[in-house]
């Protein structure tokens, strides 16, 4: 299980997760997972669909908002903001390192001001 970094009470980020991590994530009380990593960025990376299948198995909502590293768009930030507004609890977002998830969150929360 990768290290999870909280950015707010309801939004946390982490590096790439594996499908077998989802049971632990659900046990920690998350309501939703967000994958911000496009498939095929690195060899051996699990597809978002494999992680989504496990998320649904454990009752978590799953959202796929693929963003290129360092290139989060305003539209992707808006999608993340909508996920956060609709989630019934804490959201865990992942990518290769957690950086693009952090950038998307900063953009999403700045646009609320």
N, C-alpha and C. Protein backbone atom coordinates (compact mmCIF):
# COMPACT_ATOMS: atom_id res chain seq x y z
N UNK A 1 0.85 -1.18 0.00
CA UNK A 1 0.00 0.00 0.00
C UNK A 1 0.89 1.24 0.00
N UNK A 2 0.69 2.13 -0.97
CA UNK A 2 1.51 3.34 -1.00
C UNK A 2 1.17 4.29 0.15
N UNK A 3 2.06 5.23 0.40
CA UNK A 3 1.83 6.24 1.43
C UNK A 3 0.76 7.20 0.95
N UNK A 4 -0.21 7.47 1.81
CA UNK A 4 -1.32 8.37 1.50
C UNK A 4 -1.06 9.71 2.17
N UNK A 5 -1.21 10.79 1.40
CA UNK A 5 -1.00 12.14 1.91
C UNK A 5 -2.32 12.89 1.93
N UNK A 6 -2.78 13.32 3.10
CA UNK A 6 -4.02 14.11 3.14
C UNK A 6 -3.76 15.56 2.72
N UNK A 7 -4.59 16.07 1.83
CA UNK A 7 -4.52 17.48 1.43
C UNK A 7 -5.63 18.29 2.08
N UNK A 8 -6.68 17.60 2.50
CA UNK A 8 -7.78 18.20 3.26
C UNK A 8 -8.43 17.05 4.04
N UNK A 9 -9.45 17.37 4.80
CA UNK A 9 -10.15 16.32 5.55
C UNK A 9 -10.78 15.28 4.63
N UNK A 10 -11.16 15.73 3.43
CA UNK A 10 -11.89 14.84 2.53
C UNK A 10 -11.15 14.45 1.27
N UNK A 11 -9.94 14.92 1.08
CA UNK A 11 -9.21 14.61 -0.15
C UNK A 11 -7.78 14.22 0.17
N UNK A 12 -7.42 13.01 -0.24
CA UNK A 12 -6.09 12.47 -0.01
C UNK A 12 -5.52 11.99 -1.35
N UNK A 13 -4.20 11.99 -1.46
CA UNK A 13 -3.54 11.56 -2.69
C UNK A 13 -2.47 10.51 -2.37
N UNK A 14 -2.13 9.73 -3.40
CA UNK A 14 -1.08 8.74 -3.25
C UNK A 14 -0.54 8.34 -4.62
N UNK A 15 0.61 7.67 -4.63
CA UNK A 15 1.12 7.11 -5.88
C UNK A 15 0.24 5.94 -6.33
N UNK A 16 0.60 5.38 -7.46
CA UNK A 16 -0.13 4.25 -8.06
C UNK A 16 -0.51 3.20 -7.02
N UNK A 17 -1.77 2.78 -7.07
CA UNK A 17 -2.21 1.67 -6.23
C UNK A 17 -2.35 0.42 -7.11
N UNK A 18 -2.42 -0.71 -6.45
CA UNK A 18 -2.64 -1.99 -7.11
C UNK A 18 -4.07 -2.45 -6.80
N UNK A 19 -4.64 -3.29 -7.63
CA UNK A 19 -5.99 -3.77 -7.34
C UNK A 19 -6.12 -4.40 -5.95
N UNK A 20 -5.08 -5.09 -5.48
CA UNK A 20 -5.18 -5.72 -4.16
C UNK A 20 -5.15 -4.71 -3.02
N UNK A 21 -4.82 -3.45 -3.28
CA UNK A 21 -4.84 -2.41 -2.25
C UNK A 21 -6.25 -1.91 -1.93
N UNK A 22 -7.18 -2.16 -2.81
CA UNK A 22 -8.51 -1.57 -2.69
C UNK A 22 -9.25 -2.03 -1.45
N UNK A 23 -9.09 -3.26 -1.04
CA UNK A 23 -9.76 -3.74 0.18
C UNK A 23 -9.32 -2.92 1.38
N UNK A 24 -8.03 -2.63 1.49
CA UNK A 24 -7.52 -1.83 2.60
C UNK A 24 -8.02 -0.39 2.50
N UNK A 25 -8.07 0.14 1.28
CA UNK A 25 -8.56 1.49 1.07
C UNK A 25 -10.01 1.60 1.51
N UNK A 26 -10.83 0.63 1.14
CA UNK A 26 -12.23 0.63 1.56
C UNK A 26 -12.34 0.52 3.08
N UNK A 27 -11.51 -0.30 3.69
CA UNK A 27 -11.53 -0.46 5.15
C UNK A 27 -11.15 0.83 5.87
N UNK A 28 -10.40 1.69 5.21
CA UNK A 28 -10.01 2.98 5.81
C UNK A 28 -11.12 4.02 5.72
N UNK A 29 -12.22 3.69 5.07
CA UNK A 29 -13.38 4.58 5.06
C UNK A 29 -13.52 5.50 3.87
N UNK A 30 -12.76 5.25 2.81
CA UNK A 30 -12.92 6.09 1.63
C UNK A 30 -14.23 5.79 0.94
N UNK A 31 -14.82 6.82 0.34
CA UNK A 31 -16.07 6.67 -0.40
C UNK A 31 -15.83 6.53 -1.89
N UNK A 32 -14.69 7.09 -2.36
CA UNK A 32 -14.44 7.11 -3.80
C UNK A 32 -12.94 7.08 -4.09
N UNK A 33 -12.62 6.52 -5.25
CA UNK A 33 -11.27 6.53 -5.79
C UNK A 33 -11.28 7.31 -7.10
N UNK A 34 -10.19 8.04 -7.33
CA UNK A 34 -10.02 8.77 -8.59
C UNK A 34 -8.67 8.37 -9.17
N UNK A 35 -8.69 7.87 -10.40
CA UNK A 35 -7.45 7.57 -11.11
C UNK A 35 -7.18 8.71 -12.07
N UNK A 36 -6.04 9.38 -11.89
CA UNK A 36 -5.66 10.47 -12.78
C UNK A 36 -4.52 10.07 -13.70
N UNK A 37 -4.23 8.79 -13.75
CA UNK A 37 -3.10 8.30 -14.54
C UNK A 37 -3.59 7.57 -15.79
N UNK A 38 -3.22 8.04 -16.97
CA UNK A 38 -3.60 7.31 -18.18
C UNK A 38 -2.98 5.91 -18.19
N UNK A 39 -3.67 4.97 -18.76
CA UNK A 39 -3.12 3.62 -18.90
C UNK A 39 -1.86 3.67 -19.75
N UNK A 40 -0.94 2.75 -19.48
CA UNK A 40 0.23 2.57 -20.31
C UNK A 40 1.38 3.54 -20.08
N UNK A 41 1.35 4.28 -18.99
CA UNK A 41 2.47 5.20 -18.73
C UNK A 41 3.77 4.47 -18.40
N UNK A 42 3.64 3.31 -17.77
CA UNK A 42 4.84 2.54 -17.44
C UNK A 42 4.51 1.04 -17.50
N UNK A 43 5.52 0.23 -17.81
CA UNK A 43 5.30 -1.22 -17.87
C UNK A 43 4.82 -1.76 -16.51
N UNK A 44 3.87 -2.65 -16.56
CA UNK A 44 3.38 -3.29 -15.35
C UNK A 44 2.34 -2.50 -14.59
N UNK A 45 2.04 -1.33 -15.04
CA UNK A 45 1.02 -0.49 -14.39
C UNK A 45 -0.35 -1.15 -14.57
N UNK A 46 -1.11 -1.34 -13.48
CA UNK A 46 -2.44 -1.93 -13.66
C UNK A 46 -3.38 -0.96 -14.37
N UNK A 47 -4.25 -1.48 -15.20
CA UNK A 47 -5.21 -0.62 -15.89
C UNK A 47 -6.18 -0.03 -14.89
N UNK A 48 -6.72 1.12 -15.25
CA UNK A 48 -7.72 1.73 -14.38
C UNK A 48 -8.94 0.82 -14.25
N UNK A 49 -9.24 0.06 -15.30
CA UNK A 49 -10.41 -0.82 -15.25
C UNK A 49 -10.26 -1.93 -14.22
N UNK A 50 -9.04 -2.44 -14.05
CA UNK A 50 -8.81 -3.48 -13.03
C UNK A 50 -9.01 -2.91 -11.62
N UNK A 51 -8.53 -1.69 -11.41
CA UNK A 51 -8.70 -1.05 -10.10
C UNK A 51 -10.18 -0.70 -9.90
N UNK A 52 -10.84 -0.21 -10.95
CA UNK A 52 -12.26 0.13 -10.85
C UNK A 52 -13.10 -1.09 -10.50
N UNK A 53 -12.78 -2.23 -11.07
CA UNK A 53 -13.53 -3.45 -10.76
C UNK A 53 -13.44 -3.78 -9.28
N UNK A 54 -12.26 -3.64 -8.72
CA UNK A 54 -12.09 -3.90 -7.28
C UNK A 54 -12.81 -2.83 -6.46
N UNK A 55 -12.75 -1.59 -6.90
CA UNK A 55 -13.45 -0.52 -6.18
C UNK A 55 -14.94 -0.83 -6.09
N UNK A 56 -15.52 -1.20 -7.22
CA UNK A 56 -16.95 -1.51 -7.22
C UNK A 56 -17.24 -2.73 -6.36
N UNK A 57 -16.34 -3.68 -6.35
CA UNK A 57 -16.51 -4.89 -5.51
C UNK A 57 -16.61 -4.51 -4.04
N UNK A 58 -15.86 -3.49 -3.64
CA UNK A 58 -15.84 -3.07 -2.23
C UNK A 58 -16.73 -1.86 -1.96
N UNK A 59 -17.60 -1.52 -2.89
CA UNK A 59 -18.58 -0.47 -2.66
C UNK A 59 -18.08 0.96 -2.80
N UNK A 60 -16.96 1.14 -3.48
CA UNK A 60 -16.42 2.48 -3.68
C UNK A 60 -16.82 3.02 -5.05
N UNK A 61 -17.11 4.30 -5.12
CA UNK A 61 -17.29 4.95 -6.42
C UNK A 61 -15.92 5.05 -7.06
N UNK A 62 -15.87 5.04 -8.38
CA UNK A 62 -14.59 5.14 -9.08
C UNK A 62 -14.73 6.12 -10.23
N UNK A 63 -13.73 7.00 -10.36
CA UNK A 63 -13.73 8.01 -11.41
C UNK A 63 -12.39 7.99 -12.13
N UNK A 64 -12.44 8.05 -13.45
CA UNK A 64 -11.23 8.04 -14.27
C UNK A 64 -11.10 9.41 -14.92
N UNK A 65 -10.08 10.17 -14.48
CA UNK A 65 -9.81 11.50 -15.02
C UNK A 65 -8.34 11.51 -15.45
N UNK A 66 -8.04 10.88 -16.59
CA UNK A 66 -6.63 10.76 -16.98
C UNK A 66 -6.01 12.09 -17.38
N UNK A 67 -4.90 12.41 -16.74
CA UNK A 67 -4.17 13.65 -17.03
C UNK A 67 -2.72 13.32 -17.29
N UNK A 68 -2.15 14.00 -18.25
CA UNK A 68 -0.72 13.80 -18.51
C UNK A 68 0.07 14.45 -17.38
N UNK A 69 1.20 13.87 -17.04
CA UNK A 69 2.03 14.37 -15.96
C UNK A 69 2.38 15.84 -16.17
N UNK A 70 2.05 16.66 -15.16
CA UNK A 70 2.35 18.08 -15.22
C UNK A 70 1.46 18.89 -16.14
N UNK A 71 0.40 18.26 -16.69
CA UNK A 71 -0.44 18.95 -17.67
C UNK A 71 -1.93 18.81 -17.35
N UNK A 72 -2.29 19.05 -16.11
CA UNK A 72 -3.69 19.00 -15.72
C UNK A 72 -4.41 20.20 -16.34
N UNK A 73 -5.54 19.93 -16.98
CA UNK A 73 -6.31 20.99 -17.63
C UNK A 73 -7.38 21.55 -16.69
N UNK A 74 -7.87 22.75 -16.98
CA UNK A 74 -8.97 23.29 -16.18
C UNK A 74 -10.19 22.37 -16.21
N UNK A 75 -10.43 21.71 -17.33
CA UNK A 75 -11.58 20.80 -17.43
C UNK A 75 -11.41 19.60 -16.48
N UNK A 76 -10.20 19.09 -16.38
CA UNK A 76 -9.94 17.98 -15.47
C UNK A 76 -10.09 18.42 -14.01
N UNK A 77 -9.64 19.62 -13.70
CA UNK A 77 -9.81 20.17 -12.35
C UNK A 77 -11.30 20.32 -12.03
N UNK A 78 -12.08 20.75 -13.00
CA UNK A 78 -13.52 20.88 -12.80
C UNK A 78 -14.15 19.50 -12.56
N UNK A 79 -13.73 18.50 -13.31
CA UNK A 79 -14.23 17.14 -13.08
C UNK A 79 -13.92 16.69 -11.65
N UNK A 80 -12.70 16.95 -11.19
CA UNK A 80 -12.35 16.57 -9.83
C UNK A 80 -13.19 17.33 -8.82
N UNK A 81 -13.41 18.60 -9.04
CA UNK A 81 -14.26 19.38 -8.12
C UNK A 81 -15.65 18.78 -8.04
N UNK A 82 -16.20 18.36 -9.17
CA UNK A 82 -17.53 17.74 -9.17
C UNK A 82 -17.52 16.43 -8.39
N UNK A 83 -16.47 15.64 -8.54
CA UNK A 83 -16.36 14.39 -7.77
C UNK A 83 -16.36 14.71 -6.28
N UNK A 84 -15.56 15.69 -5.88
CA UNK A 84 -15.47 16.05 -4.46
C UNK A 84 -16.79 16.55 -3.92
N UNK A 85 -17.52 17.31 -4.71
CA UNK A 85 -18.82 17.84 -4.28
C UNK A 85 -19.86 16.74 -4.14
N UNK A 86 -19.75 15.69 -4.94
CA UNK A 86 -20.76 14.63 -4.94
C UNK A 86 -20.40 13.43 -4.08
N UNK A 87 -19.15 13.32 -3.68
CA UNK A 87 -18.72 12.15 -2.90
C UNK A 87 -19.39 12.16 -1.53
N UNK A 88 -19.78 11.00 -1.10
CA UNK A 88 -20.42 10.86 0.21
C UNK A 88 -19.44 10.66 1.35
N UNK A 89 -18.18 10.95 1.12
CA UNK A 89 -17.14 10.77 2.14
C UNK A 89 -15.79 11.08 1.55
N UNK A 90 -14.74 10.65 2.21
CA UNK A 90 -13.39 10.95 1.75
C UNK A 90 -13.07 10.34 0.39
N UNK A 91 -12.24 11.07 -0.37
CA UNK A 91 -11.84 10.67 -1.71
C UNK A 91 -10.33 10.44 -1.72
N UNK A 92 -9.91 9.33 -2.32
CA UNK A 92 -8.49 9.05 -2.52
C UNK A 92 -8.22 9.10 -4.02
N UNK A 93 -7.27 9.94 -4.39
CA UNK A 93 -6.91 10.12 -5.79
C UNK A 93 -5.48 9.63 -5.98
N UNK A 94 -5.23 8.95 -7.11
CA UNK A 94 -3.88 8.44 -7.35
C UNK A 94 -3.43 8.68 -8.78
N UNK A 95 -2.10 8.74 -8.92
CA UNK A 95 -1.43 8.83 -10.21
C UNK A 95 -0.07 8.17 -10.02
N UNK A 96 0.92 8.52 -10.78
CA UNK A 96 2.23 7.87 -10.63
C UNK A 96 2.88 8.23 -9.30
N UNK A 97 2.81 9.50 -8.91
CA UNK A 97 3.47 9.95 -7.68
C UNK A 97 2.54 10.67 -6.71
N UNK A 98 1.38 11.08 -7.17
CA UNK A 98 0.47 11.91 -6.38
C UNK A 98 0.54 13.38 -6.77
N UNK A 99 1.53 13.75 -7.57
CA UNK A 99 1.72 15.16 -7.92
C UNK A 99 0.60 15.73 -8.78
N UNK A 100 0.19 15.02 -9.82
CA UNK A 100 -0.86 15.59 -10.68
C UNK A 100 -2.20 15.62 -9.95
N UNK A 101 -2.41 14.69 -9.01
CA UNK A 101 -3.63 14.72 -8.18
C UNK A 101 -3.62 15.95 -7.28
N UNK A 102 -2.44 16.29 -6.78
CA UNK A 102 -2.30 17.49 -5.95
C UNK A 102 -2.54 18.75 -6.78
N UNK A 103 -1.95 18.80 -7.96
CA UNK A 103 -2.13 19.94 -8.85
C UNK A 103 -3.61 20.11 -9.22
N UNK A 104 -4.27 19.02 -9.55
CA UNK A 104 -5.69 19.09 -9.92
C UNK A 104 -6.52 19.62 -8.75
N UNK A 105 -6.22 19.18 -7.54
CA UNK A 105 -6.95 19.63 -6.35
C UNK A 105 -6.73 21.13 -6.12
N UNK A 106 -5.48 21.56 -6.27
CA UNK A 106 -5.19 23.00 -6.09
C UNK A 106 -5.97 23.83 -7.11
N UNK A 107 -5.97 23.37 -8.34
CA UNK A 107 -6.72 24.08 -9.39
C UNK A 107 -8.21 24.05 -9.09
N UNK A 108 -8.73 22.92 -8.65
CA UNK A 108 -10.17 22.78 -8.37
C UNK A 108 -10.59 23.67 -7.21
N UNK A 109 -9.76 23.75 -6.18
CA UNK A 109 -10.14 24.55 -5.02
C UNK A 109 -9.92 26.05 -5.27
N UNK A 110 -8.96 26.41 -6.10
CA UNK A 110 -8.75 27.82 -6.43
C UNK A 110 -9.90 28.34 -7.27
N UNK A 111 -10.46 27.51 -8.11
CA UNK A 111 -11.55 27.96 -8.99
C UNK A 111 -12.85 28.18 -8.22
N UNK A 112 -12.88 27.74 -6.97
CA UNK A 112 -14.09 27.94 -6.14
C UNK A 112 -14.12 29.33 -5.55
N UNK A 113 -12.98 29.99 -5.51
CA UNK A 113 -12.90 31.31 -4.86
C UNK A 113 -13.57 32.39 -5.71
